[in-house]
Amino acid sequence: MPLSPLDLAEATQTVETLLARLELDAFLFAIEHNERGWELRVECAADDGWVAETIALGDEFPDASEADTPLRDQLFALLIERLGHCKKRS
């Protein structure tokens, strides 16, 4: 089933909320859905300049309007793991 612009907007909102919880100093991100599922690209400030991470998220994605769910918690834990090298706000 093709995704709607609303699906993409909700995914963007969910990722933006989770990235804000990480309190990164500076970052840019893009989320898209392709034949492999959801994919998140994040560029963030690190001690030695900007770094880029591409994170495959699979087909399931937490809904933006849901309260904390296991899927949302799993995504947040993955972001912590993969973006641990990014600078945090002081």
Protein backbone atom coordinates (compact mmCIF):
# COMPACT_ATOMS: atom_id res chain seq x y z
CA MET A 1 0.00 0.00 0.00
CA PRO A 2 1.49 3.38 -0.96
CA LEU A 3 2.14 5.86 1.81
CA SER A 4 0.31 9.14 1.97
CA PRO A 5 1.83 12.56 2.63
CA LEU A 6 0.21 12.30 6.07
CA ASP A 7 2.19 9.09 6.80
CA LEU A 8 5.42 10.90 5.96
CA ALA A 9 4.44 13.94 8.02
CA GLU A 10 3.66 11.75 11.04
CA ALA A 11 6.95 9.88 10.69
CA THR A 12 8.81 13.18 10.47
CA GLN A 13 7.03 14.47 13.59
CA THR A 14 7.84 11.29 15.52
CA VAL A 15 11.53 11.41 14.61
CA GLU A 16 11.77 15.13 15.35
CA THR A 17 10.28 14.55 18.81
CA LEU A 18 12.67 11.69 19.58
CA LEU A 19 15.72 13.59 18.31
CA ALA A 20 14.73 16.57 20.47
CA ARG A 21 14.73 14.25 23.51
CA LEU A 22 18.38 13.39 22.71
CA GLU A 23 19.28 17.08 23.20
CA LEU A 24 21.74 17.08 20.31
CA ASP A 25 23.74 20.28 19.83
CA ALA A 26 23.04 20.51 16.09
CA PHE A 27 21.48 18.11 13.59
CA LEU A 28 19.65 17.72 10.31
CA PHE A 29 17.52 14.72 9.37
CA ALA A 30 15.43 13.20 6.62
CA ILE A 31 13.07 10.25 6.81
CA GLU A 32 11.76 8.34 3.83
CA HIS A 33 10.09 5.08 2.97
CA ASN A 34 11.52 2.96 0.16
CA GLU A 35 11.36 -0.70 -0.92
CA ARG A 36 13.38 -1.71 2.17
CA GLY A 37 11.10 0.14 4.60
CA TRP A 38 11.69 3.31 6.58
CA GLU A 39 15.14 4.87 6.44
CA LEU A 40 16.43 7.74 8.57
CA ARG A 41 19.41 9.89 7.63
CA VAL A 42 20.86 12.09 10.35
CA GLU A 43 23.74 14.53 10.16
CA CYS A 44 24.96 15.81 13.49
CA ALA A 45 27.76 17.85 15.00
CA ALA A 46 30.50 15.75 16.59
CA ASP A 47 33.85 16.61 18.16
CA ASP A 48 35.65 16.26 14.83
CA GLY A 49 33.06 17.99 12.61
CA TRP A 50 29.79 16.84 11.12
CA VAL A 51 29.05 13.13 10.76
CA ALA A 52 26.27 11.33 8.88
CA GLU A 53 24.39 8.20 9.91
CA THR A 54 21.89 6.22 7.84
CA ILE A 55 19.65 4.05 9.97
CA ALA A 56 17.39 1.37 8.46
CA LEU A 57 14.19 1.22 10.52
CA GLY A 58 12.21 -1.50 8.77
CA ASP A 59 8.52 -1.42 7.88
CA GLU A 60 6.97 -0.73 11.28
CA PHE A 61 7.00 2.83 12.52
CA PRO A 62 5.37 4.28 15.65
CA ASP A 63 2.43 6.59 15.06
CA ALA A 64 3.05 10.23 15.98
CA SER A 65 -0.10 10.44 18.10
CA GLU A 66 0.54 7.33 20.19
CA ALA A 67 1.66 7.52 23.80
CA ASP A 68 4.98 5.87 24.60
CA THR A 69 4.86 2.41 23.13
CA PRO A 70 7.40 -0.42 22.98
CA LEU A 71 8.02 0.41 19.31
CA ARG A 72 8.68 4.09 20.11
CA ASP A 73 10.96 3.08 23.01
CA GLN A 74 12.82 0.68 20.73
CA LEU A 75 13.34 3.45 18.15
CA PHE A 76 14.56 5.85 20.85
CA ALA A 77 17.05 3.27 22.14
CA LEU A 78 18.33 2.75 18.59
CA LEU A 79 18.81 6.50 18.15
CA ILE A 80 20.74 6.69 21.43
CA GLU A 81 22.99 3.85 20.29
CA ARG A 82 23.62 5.12 16.77
CA LEU A 83 23.94 8.83 17.59
CA GLY A 84 25.97 8.56 20.78
CA HIS A 85 28.95 10.26 19.10
CA CYS A 86 26.94 13.44 18.42
CA LYS A 87 27.53 16.49 20.59
CA LYS A 88 24.92 17.24 23.23
CA ARG A 89 23.65 20.70 24.19
CA SER A 90 25.53 22.26 27.07
